[in-house]
């Protein structure tokens, strides 16, 4: 089962202010298949200095960047039918949905998984579950934290480490996720959906 790890950086504290996206698709064996990265020009060009200090992206860097609307079809094509994976997925999924909504974009529908929640379940008792800490704990290698593509690649590596061989067999993967991650109320994967009506699941 291929999967696509995703990470956003935002211009400010608004979930509509995506200013960079990184995507990394992995095979069930944990091999990096392909990547996608672009800076994004949010609808509102306000940058919070605190956010800039985290990711180093300034208004000058995105002034000629495409908007999410400009690259939407490329992003949908890249993701395809793959499930999405993110570290602290509620944040990234909200940024994805709300930034898409700011341009009235639709057509995305995908299961998603959170490596933060999964790591807490699979590897309890660690001192920190920050992506940088988990990368060090699992020997995933050094990377440029808060650079969207590097974060996505590291998240994808972490997902493979946490899920192991279950990724190679749908039945085993479903059983693993039912035990460790799936929605307790429904038993189904969590999903992100963008619709014309701007009503999201």
Protein backbone atom coordinates (compact mmCIF):
# COMPACT_ATOMS: atom_id res chain seq x y z
CA UNK A 1 0.00 0.00 0.00
CA UNK A 2 1.48 3.31 -1.04
CA UNK A 3 0.86 6.30 1.21
CA UNK A 4 1.58 10.02 1.01
CA UNK A 5 3.03 11.98 3.92
CA UNK A 6 2.12 15.65 4.03
CA UNK A 7 3.28 18.75 5.89
CA UNK A 8 2.26 22.40 5.79
CA UNK A 9 3.87 25.58 7.00
CA UNK A 10 1.65 28.57 7.70
CA UNK A 11 2.21 32.30 7.34
CA UNK A 12 0.42 33.06 10.59
CA UNK A 13 -1.81 31.39 13.18
CA UNK A 14 -4.76 31.17 10.78
CA UNK A 15 -5.42 27.71 9.36
CA UNK A 16 -6.17 29.39 6.01
CA UNK A 17 -2.61 30.70 5.66
CA UNK A 18 -0.71 27.73 4.16
CA UNK A 19 2.54 29.12 2.73
CA UNK A 20 4.34 25.85 1.91
CA UNK A 21 3.37 22.25 1.26
CA UNK A 22 5.54 19.16 1.19
CA UNK A 23 4.34 15.77 -0.08
CA UNK A 24 6.26 12.50 -0.05
CA UNK A 25 4.88 9.23 -1.40
CA UNK A 26 6.24 5.96 -0.02
CA UNK A 27 5.83 2.32 -1.03
CA UNK A 28 4.64 -0.35 1.40
CA UNK A 29 8.31 -1.32 1.82
CA UNK A 30 9.11 2.19 3.06
CA UNK A 31 10.90 3.32 -0.09
CA UNK A 32 10.54 6.97 -1.07
CA UNK A 33 8.79 6.95 -4.45
CA UNK A 34 8.40 10.64 -5.31
CA UNK A 35 8.14 14.08 -3.74
CA UNK A 36 6.37 17.37 -4.32
CA UNK A 37 7.16 20.75 -2.79
CA UNK A 38 6.12 24.30 -3.42
CA UNK A 39 5.82 27.58 -1.60
CA UNK A 40 2.25 28.89 -1.57
CA UNK A 41 0.85 32.41 -1.68
CA UNK A 42 -2.01 32.58 0.84
CA UNK A 43 -5.09 34.65 0.09
CA UNK A 44 -4.13 36.99 2.92
CA UNK A 45 -0.46 38.01 2.81
CA UNK A 46 -0.04 38.70 6.53
CA UNK A 47 3.02 36.95 8.04
CA UNK A 48 3.42 36.52 11.79
CA UNK A 49 7.04 37.09 12.78
CA UNK A 50 6.88 34.11 15.14
CA UNK A 51 5.92 31.81 12.27
CA UNK A 52 8.69 33.27 10.13
CA UNK A 53 11.20 32.50 12.87
CA UNK A 54 10.09 28.85 12.85
CA UNK A 55 10.18 28.13 9.11
CA UNK A 56 12.15 31.03 7.64
CA UNK A 57 9.58 31.84 4.95
CA UNK A 58 9.07 35.58 4.45
CA UNK A 59 6.54 37.56 2.39
CA UNK A 60 9.28 38.31 -0.14
CA UNK A 61 9.79 34.59 -0.78
CA UNK A 62 6.16 33.87 -1.62
CA UNK A 63 5.18 37.02 -3.52
CA UNK A 64 5.64 35.24 -6.86
CA UNK A 65 4.69 31.77 -5.56
CA UNK A 66 1.54 30.04 -6.84
CA UNK A 67 -1.62 30.04 -4.79
CA UNK A 68 -3.12 26.76 -3.59
CA UNK A 69 -5.71 27.22 -6.33
CA UNK A 70 -2.96 27.39 -8.98
CA UNK A 71 -1.48 24.01 -7.98
CA UNK A 72 -4.63 22.27 -6.73
CA UNK A 73 -4.92 19.89 -9.68
CA UNK A 74 -1.23 18.97 -9.35
CA UNK A 75 -1.69 18.20 -5.65
CA UNK A 76 -4.77 16.06 -6.24
CA UNK A 77 -2.98 14.18 -9.01
CA UNK A 78 0.06 13.60 -6.79
CA UNK A 79 -2.00 12.24 -3.88
CA UNK A 80 -4.29 10.16 -6.05
CA UNK A 81 -6.02 7.47 -3.98
CA UNK A 82 -3.26 7.24 -1.39
CA UNK A 83 -4.06 7.68 2.30
CA UNK A 84 -2.43 10.73 3.85
CA UNK A 85 -0.05 10.66 6.80
CA UNK A 86 0.93 13.65 8.95
CA UNK A 87 2.56 14.30 12.31
CA UNK A 88 -0.12 15.98 14.42
CA UNK A 89 -2.57 15.32 11.60
CA UNK A 90 -5.45 17.39 13.04
CA UNK A 91 -3.34 20.53 12.47
CA UNK A 92 -2.30 19.68 8.90
CA UNK A 93 -5.76 18.43 7.90
CA UNK A 94 -7.35 21.63 9.22
CA UNK A 95 -4.82 23.74 7.32
CA UNK A 96 -5.48 21.66 4.19
CA UNK A 97 -9.26 21.98 4.46
CA UNK A 98 -9.41 25.61 5.51
CA UNK A 99 -6.83 26.80 2.99
CA UNK A 100 -8.74 24.92 0.28
CA UNK A 101 -11.98 26.47 1.51
CA UNK A 102 -10.50 29.96 1.25
CA UNK A 103 -10.27 29.35 -2.51
CA UNK A 104 -13.49 27.27 -2.67
CA UNK A 105 -11.56 24.20 -3.84
CA UNK A 106 -13.05 20.71 -3.90
CA UNK A 107 -12.25 17.20 -5.05
CA UNK A 108 -10.06 15.91 -2.23
CA UNK A 109 -11.24 12.83 -0.37
CA UNK A 110 -8.73 10.70 1.49
CA UNK A 111 -8.25 8.62 4.62
CA UNK A 112 -5.57 10.02 6.89
CA UNK A 113 -3.41 8.82 9.76
CA UNK A 114 -1.51 10.66 12.48
CA UNK A 115 2.02 9.53 13.34
CA UNK A 116 1.88 11.50 16.60
CA UNK A 117 -1.14 9.56 17.87
CA UNK A 118 0.20 6.31 16.47
CA UNK A 119 3.63 6.75 18.08
CA UNK A 120 2.07 7.38 21.48
CA UNK A 121 0.15 4.12 21.13
CA UNK A 122 2.87 1.95 19.58
CA UNK A 123 5.84 3.34 21.54
CA UNK A 124 4.54 4.49 24.93
CA UNK A 125 6.71 6.06 27.56
CA UNK A 126 9.03 8.18 25.42
CA UNK A 127 10.16 11.51 26.82
CA UNK A 128 9.02 13.44 23.74
CA UNK A 129 6.86 12.75 20.70
CA UNK A 130 8.01 15.71 18.66
CA UNK A 131 8.95 14.66 15.14
CA UNK A 132 12.58 15.62 15.74
CA UNK A 133 12.69 13.49 18.89
CA UNK A 134 11.08 10.49 17.22
CA UNK A 135 13.44 10.80 14.25
CA UNK A 136 16.35 10.59 16.67
CA UNK A 137 14.81 7.74 18.69
CA UNK A 138 14.15 5.62 15.60
CA UNK A 139 17.39 6.61 13.84
CA UNK A 140 15.61 8.17 10.87
CA UNK A 141 18.50 10.52 10.12
CA UNK A 142 19.06 14.25 10.37
CA UNK A 143 16.69 16.57 8.53
CA UNK A 144 15.75 20.23 8.22
CA UNK A 145 12.93 20.59 10.76
CA UNK A 146 10.06 22.89 9.74
CA UNK A 147 11.00 22.64 6.08
CA UNK A 148 7.75 21.17 4.73
CA UNK A 149 9.28 18.57 2.42
CA UNK A 150 11.84 17.36 4.96
CA UNK A 151 9.11 17.10 7.59
CA UNK A 152 6.92 15.11 5.18
CA UNK A 153 9.74 12.71 4.26
CA UNK A 154 10.62 12.13 7.92
CA UNK A 155 6.95 11.62 8.78
CA UNK A 156 6.67 9.04 5.99
CA UNK A 157 9.72 7.18 7.29
CA UNK A 158 8.27 7.22 10.80
CA UNK A 159 4.94 5.83 9.59
CA UNK A 160 6.72 2.87 8.02
CA UNK A 161 8.69 2.21 11.22
CA UNK A 162 5.51 2.32 13.31
CA UNK A 163 3.40 0.16 11.00
CA UNK A 164 6.10 -2.27 9.90
CA UNK A 165 5.13 -5.23 7.73
CA UNK A 166 1.41 -4.53 8.13
CA UNK A 167 1.76 -2.06 5.25
CA UNK A 168 2.38 -4.96 2.86
CA UNK A 169 -0.96 -6.65 3.53
CA UNK A 170 -4.32 -4.87 3.60
CA UNK A 171 -5.87 -7.30 6.07
CA UNK A 172 -2.92 -6.96 8.44
CA UNK A 173 -2.90 -3.18 8.03
CA UNK A 174 -6.62 -2.92 8.75
CA UNK A 175 -6.21 -5.06 11.87
CA UNK A 176 -3.22 -3.00 13.02
CA UNK A 177 -5.05 0.30 12.54
CA UNK A 178 -8.25 -0.97 14.15
CA UNK A 179 -6.22 -1.82 17.24
CA UNK A 180 -4.03 1.26 17.34
CA UNK A 181 -5.65 4.19 15.59
CA UNK A 182 -9.10 4.04 14.06
CA UNK A 183 -12.04 6.10 15.20
CA UNK A 184 -13.42 4.37 18.28
CA UNK A 185 -16.98 5.41 17.49
CA UNK A 186 -17.17 4.22 13.89
CA UNK A 187 -14.26 1.81 13.47
CA UNK A 188 -13.40 3.54 10.20
CA UNK A 189 -10.35 5.60 9.20
CA UNK A 190 -10.54 9.35 9.66
CA UNK A 191 -11.12 11.20 6.41
CA UNK A 192 -10.51 14.60 4.88
CA UNK A 193 -13.03 15.79 2.29
CA UNK A 194 -13.21 19.08 0.41
CA UNK A 195 -16.56 19.96 -1.09
CA UNK A 196 -18.04 22.86 -3.02
CA UNK A 197 -20.42 23.53 -0.15
CA UNK A 198 -17.42 24.02 2.16
CA UNK A 199 -18.89 21.48 4.58
CA UNK A 200 -16.22 19.08 5.73
CA UNK A 201 -16.27 15.71 7.45
